[in-house]
N, C-alpha and C. Protein backbone atom coordinates (compact mmCIF):
# COMPACT_ATOMS: atom_id res chain seq x y z
N MET A 1 -14.17 -206.49 152.73
CA MET A 1 -12.87 -207.21 153.09
C MET A 1 -11.87 -206.12 153.51
N PRO A 2 -11.14 -206.53 154.63
CA PRO A 2 -10.10 -205.75 155.23
C PRO A 2 -8.78 -205.65 154.37
N THR A 3 -8.18 -204.58 154.17
CA THR A 3 -7.06 -204.45 153.37
C THR A 3 -5.73 -204.51 154.07
N GLU A 4 -5.82 -204.40 155.50
CA GLU A 4 -4.64 -204.59 156.33
C GLU A 4 -4.07 -205.77 156.22
N LYS A 5 -2.74 -205.96 156.28
CA LYS A 5 -2.06 -207.16 156.08
C LYS A 5 -2.16 -208.05 157.49
N PHE A 6 -2.24 -207.40 158.57
CA PHE A 6 -2.07 -208.02 159.90
C PHE A 6 -3.05 -207.53 160.73
N PRO A 7 -3.60 -208.26 161.68
CA PRO A 7 -4.52 -207.71 162.74
C PRO A 7 -3.91 -206.53 163.49
N VAL A 8 -4.79 -205.68 164.06
CA VAL A 8 -4.16 -204.58 164.84
C VAL A 8 -3.97 -205.06 166.28
N LEU A 9 -2.85 -205.21 166.56
CA LEU A 9 -2.32 -205.62 168.02
C LEU A 9 -1.22 -204.60 168.50
N PRO A 10 -1.41 -203.90 169.68
CA PRO A 10 -0.54 -202.92 170.07
C PRO A 10 0.93 -203.46 170.17
N SER A 11 1.17 -204.65 170.25
CA SER A 11 2.63 -205.16 170.42
C SER A 11 3.13 -205.65 169.15
N VAL A 12 2.55 -205.48 168.04
CA VAL A 12 3.04 -205.95 166.67
C VAL A 12 3.04 -204.74 165.82
N CYS A 13 4.17 -204.64 165.02
CA CYS A 13 4.36 -203.73 164.07
C CYS A 13 3.35 -203.75 162.94
N PRO A 14 2.54 -202.71 162.69
CA PRO A 14 1.42 -202.78 161.67
C PRO A 14 2.16 -202.69 160.15
N LEU A 15 3.31 -202.61 160.01
CA LEU A 15 3.98 -202.65 158.71
C LEU A 15 4.51 -204.09 158.36
N CYS A 16 5.19 -204.70 159.39
CA CYS A 16 5.84 -206.08 158.98
C CYS A 16 5.31 -207.23 159.78
N GLY A 17 4.52 -206.86 160.81
CA GLY A 17 3.80 -208.09 161.56
C GLY A 17 4.89 -208.70 162.64
N GLN A 18 5.88 -208.08 162.76
CA GLN A 18 6.78 -208.46 163.82
C GLN A 18 6.63 -207.90 165.25
N PRO A 19 7.05 -208.47 166.27
CA PRO A 19 6.98 -207.79 167.61
C PRO A 19 7.64 -206.37 167.43
N ASN A 20 6.95 -205.32 167.96
CA ASN A 20 7.51 -204.08 167.95
C ASN A 20 8.36 -203.60 169.17
N GLN A 21 8.45 -204.52 170.20
CA GLN A 21 9.15 -204.23 171.35
C GLN A 21 8.85 -202.83 171.94
N CYS A 22 7.58 -202.44 171.97
CA CYS A 22 7.15 -201.20 172.56
C CYS A 22 7.15 -201.21 174.00
N ALA A 23 7.88 -200.43 174.73
CA ALA A 23 8.01 -200.34 176.11
C ALA A 23 6.68 -200.13 176.74
N MET A 24 5.97 -199.25 176.02
CA MET A 24 4.65 -198.77 176.53
C MET A 24 3.69 -199.96 176.70
N GLU A 25 3.67 -200.96 175.77
CA GLU A 25 2.82 -202.08 175.82
C GLU A 25 3.43 -203.29 176.68
N GLN A 26 4.73 -203.19 177.09
CA GLN A 26 5.26 -204.28 177.82
C GLN A 26 5.16 -204.20 179.31
N ARG A 27 4.43 -203.03 179.78
CA ARG A 27 4.30 -202.90 181.22
C ARG A 27 3.48 -204.03 181.86
N GLU A 28 3.52 -204.15 182.99
CA GLU A 28 2.91 -205.15 183.75
C GLU A 28 1.81 -204.49 184.62
N GLY A 29 0.69 -204.98 184.42
CA GLY A 29 -0.56 -204.47 185.43
C GLY A 29 -0.67 -202.96 185.05
N ASP A 30 -0.95 -202.35 186.32
CA ASP A 30 -1.00 -200.78 186.35
C ASP A 30 0.24 -199.93 186.58
N THR A 31 1.39 -200.58 186.35
CA THR A 31 2.73 -199.73 186.52
C THR A 31 2.81 -198.71 185.53
N VAL A 32 3.41 -197.75 185.79
CA VAL A 32 3.71 -196.57 184.94
C VAL A 32 4.68 -197.16 183.87
N PRO A 33 4.40 -197.05 182.62
CA PRO A 33 5.30 -197.57 181.58
C PRO A 33 6.59 -196.78 181.58
N VAL A 34 7.54 -197.33 181.13
CA VAL A 34 9.08 -196.75 180.95
C VAL A 34 9.01 -196.12 179.53
N PRO A 35 9.73 -195.02 179.37
CA PRO A 35 9.80 -194.50 178.03
C PRO A 35 10.14 -195.35 176.97
N CYS A 36 9.68 -195.39 175.85
CA CYS A 36 10.08 -196.27 174.64
C CYS A 36 11.13 -195.59 173.85
N TRP A 37 11.91 -196.35 173.12
CA TRP A 37 12.86 -195.79 172.26
C TRP A 37 12.13 -194.86 171.24
N CYS A 38 10.89 -195.10 170.85
CA CYS A 38 10.28 -194.32 169.90
C CYS A 38 9.89 -192.90 170.42
N THR A 39 9.95 -192.72 171.65
CA THR A 39 9.64 -191.29 172.07
C THR A 39 10.65 -190.21 171.76
N THR A 40 11.85 -190.74 171.38
CA THR A 40 12.97 -189.68 170.76
C THR A 40 13.10 -189.92 169.36
N ALA A 41 12.50 -190.92 168.79
CA ALA A 41 12.73 -191.09 167.30
C ALA A 41 11.91 -190.14 166.50
N VAL A 42 12.45 -189.94 165.28
CA VAL A 42 11.84 -188.98 164.37
C VAL A 42 11.24 -189.84 163.30
N PHE A 43 9.97 -189.90 162.99
CA PHE A 43 9.28 -190.72 161.87
C PHE A 43 8.99 -189.64 160.66
N SER A 44 9.28 -190.17 159.65
CA SER A 44 9.06 -189.46 158.40
C SER A 44 7.49 -189.49 158.11
N ALA A 45 6.94 -188.51 157.39
CA ALA A 45 5.68 -188.41 156.91
C ALA A 45 5.33 -189.67 156.05
N GLU A 46 6.12 -190.16 155.22
CA GLU A 46 5.97 -191.12 154.34
C GLU A 46 5.89 -192.44 155.09
N LEU A 47 6.62 -192.63 156.16
CA LEU A 47 6.55 -193.80 156.93
C LEU A 47 5.16 -193.94 157.64
N LEU A 48 4.70 -192.79 158.27
CA LEU A 48 3.55 -192.62 158.98
C LEU A 48 2.26 -192.90 158.06
N GLN A 49 2.38 -192.39 156.84
CA GLN A 49 1.46 -192.66 155.93
C GLN A 49 1.19 -194.13 155.50
N ARG A 50 2.20 -194.92 155.56
CA ARG A 50 2.22 -196.40 155.34
C ARG A 50 1.36 -197.18 156.26
N ILE A 51 1.23 -196.61 157.52
CA ILE A 51 0.61 -197.32 158.55
C ILE A 51 -0.92 -197.32 158.18
N PRO A 52 -1.50 -198.59 158.19
CA PRO A 52 -2.82 -198.76 157.79
C PRO A 52 -3.69 -197.91 158.65
N GLU A 53 -4.63 -197.24 158.22
CA GLU A 53 -5.53 -196.49 159.10
C GLU A 53 -6.10 -197.05 160.22
N ALA A 54 -6.37 -198.36 160.26
CA ALA A 54 -7.09 -199.09 161.42
C ALA A 54 -6.03 -199.27 162.56
N ALA A 55 -4.80 -199.09 162.17
CA ALA A 55 -3.66 -199.32 163.21
C ALA A 55 -3.19 -197.93 163.66
N ARG A 56 -3.44 -196.85 163.13
CA ARG A 56 -2.92 -195.62 163.46
C ARG A 56 -3.28 -195.21 164.93
N ASN A 57 -2.24 -194.79 165.70
CA ASN A 57 -2.57 -194.43 167.11
C ASN A 57 -2.92 -195.69 168.02
N LYS A 58 -2.70 -196.86 167.49
CA LYS A 58 -3.09 -198.12 168.15
C LYS A 58 -1.94 -199.05 168.19
N ALA A 59 -0.89 -199.04 167.30
CA ALA A 59 0.16 -199.95 167.32
C ALA A 59 1.46 -199.21 166.70
N CYS A 60 2.56 -199.46 167.52
CA CYS A 60 3.73 -198.88 167.13
C CYS A 60 4.57 -199.64 166.12
N VAL A 61 5.15 -198.82 165.22
CA VAL A 61 6.08 -199.20 164.17
C VAL A 61 7.26 -199.78 164.96
N CYS A 62 7.89 -200.94 164.49
CA CYS A 62 9.11 -201.44 165.10
C CYS A 62 10.51 -200.71 164.70
N GLN A 63 11.40 -200.79 165.43
CA GLN A 63 12.57 -200.12 165.22
C GLN A 63 13.26 -200.40 163.94
N ALA A 64 13.14 -201.68 163.46
CA ALA A 64 13.62 -202.15 162.12
C ALA A 64 12.99 -201.39 161.10
N CYS A 65 11.69 -201.27 161.11
CA CYS A 65 10.93 -200.53 160.02
C CYS A 65 11.33 -199.13 160.10
N ALA A 66 11.36 -198.62 161.26
CA ALA A 66 11.78 -197.07 161.27
C ALA A 66 13.05 -196.75 160.81
N THR A 67 14.02 -197.79 161.09
CA THR A 67 15.36 -197.59 160.60
C THR A 67 15.63 -197.71 159.21
N ARG A 68 14.71 -198.71 158.63
CA ARG A 68 14.84 -198.83 157.03
C ARG A 68 14.16 -197.74 156.37
N ALA A 69 12.98 -197.04 156.94
CA ALA A 69 12.52 -195.80 156.39
C ALA A 69 13.52 -194.71 156.55
N ALA A 70 14.17 -194.63 157.53
CA ALA A 70 15.00 -193.39 157.67
C ALA A 70 16.30 -193.60 156.78
N ASP A 71 16.79 -194.99 156.54
CA ASP A 71 17.84 -195.08 155.62
C ASP A 71 17.36 -194.77 154.23
N ARG A 72 16.25 -195.12 153.74
CA ARG A 72 15.70 -194.89 152.50
C ARG A 72 15.58 -193.26 152.28
N SER A 73 15.23 -192.61 153.29
CA SER A 73 15.00 -191.13 153.09
C SER A 73 16.42 -190.39 153.07
N THR A 74 17.45 -191.04 153.59
CA THR A 74 18.80 -190.36 153.37
C THR A 74 19.53 -190.75 152.21
N THR A 75 19.09 -191.71 151.36
CA THR A 75 19.87 -192.09 150.17
C THR A 75 19.31 -191.51 148.94
């Protein structure tokens, strides 16, 4: 039985299940993707460890989850 909360979809955050707004996944056809907000973001090791194994390197964390994790690490 899988332990992941949500199915692995490249356009869905693997932590909350909401659309991740990944610019890399929103490209049309074979066009070159535009850089995403996450290319300049810093993700904590704790946040990255929370991503289910099946979703690692397959689905982006959304900006809301990344922001919440950053806020927790600074308090």
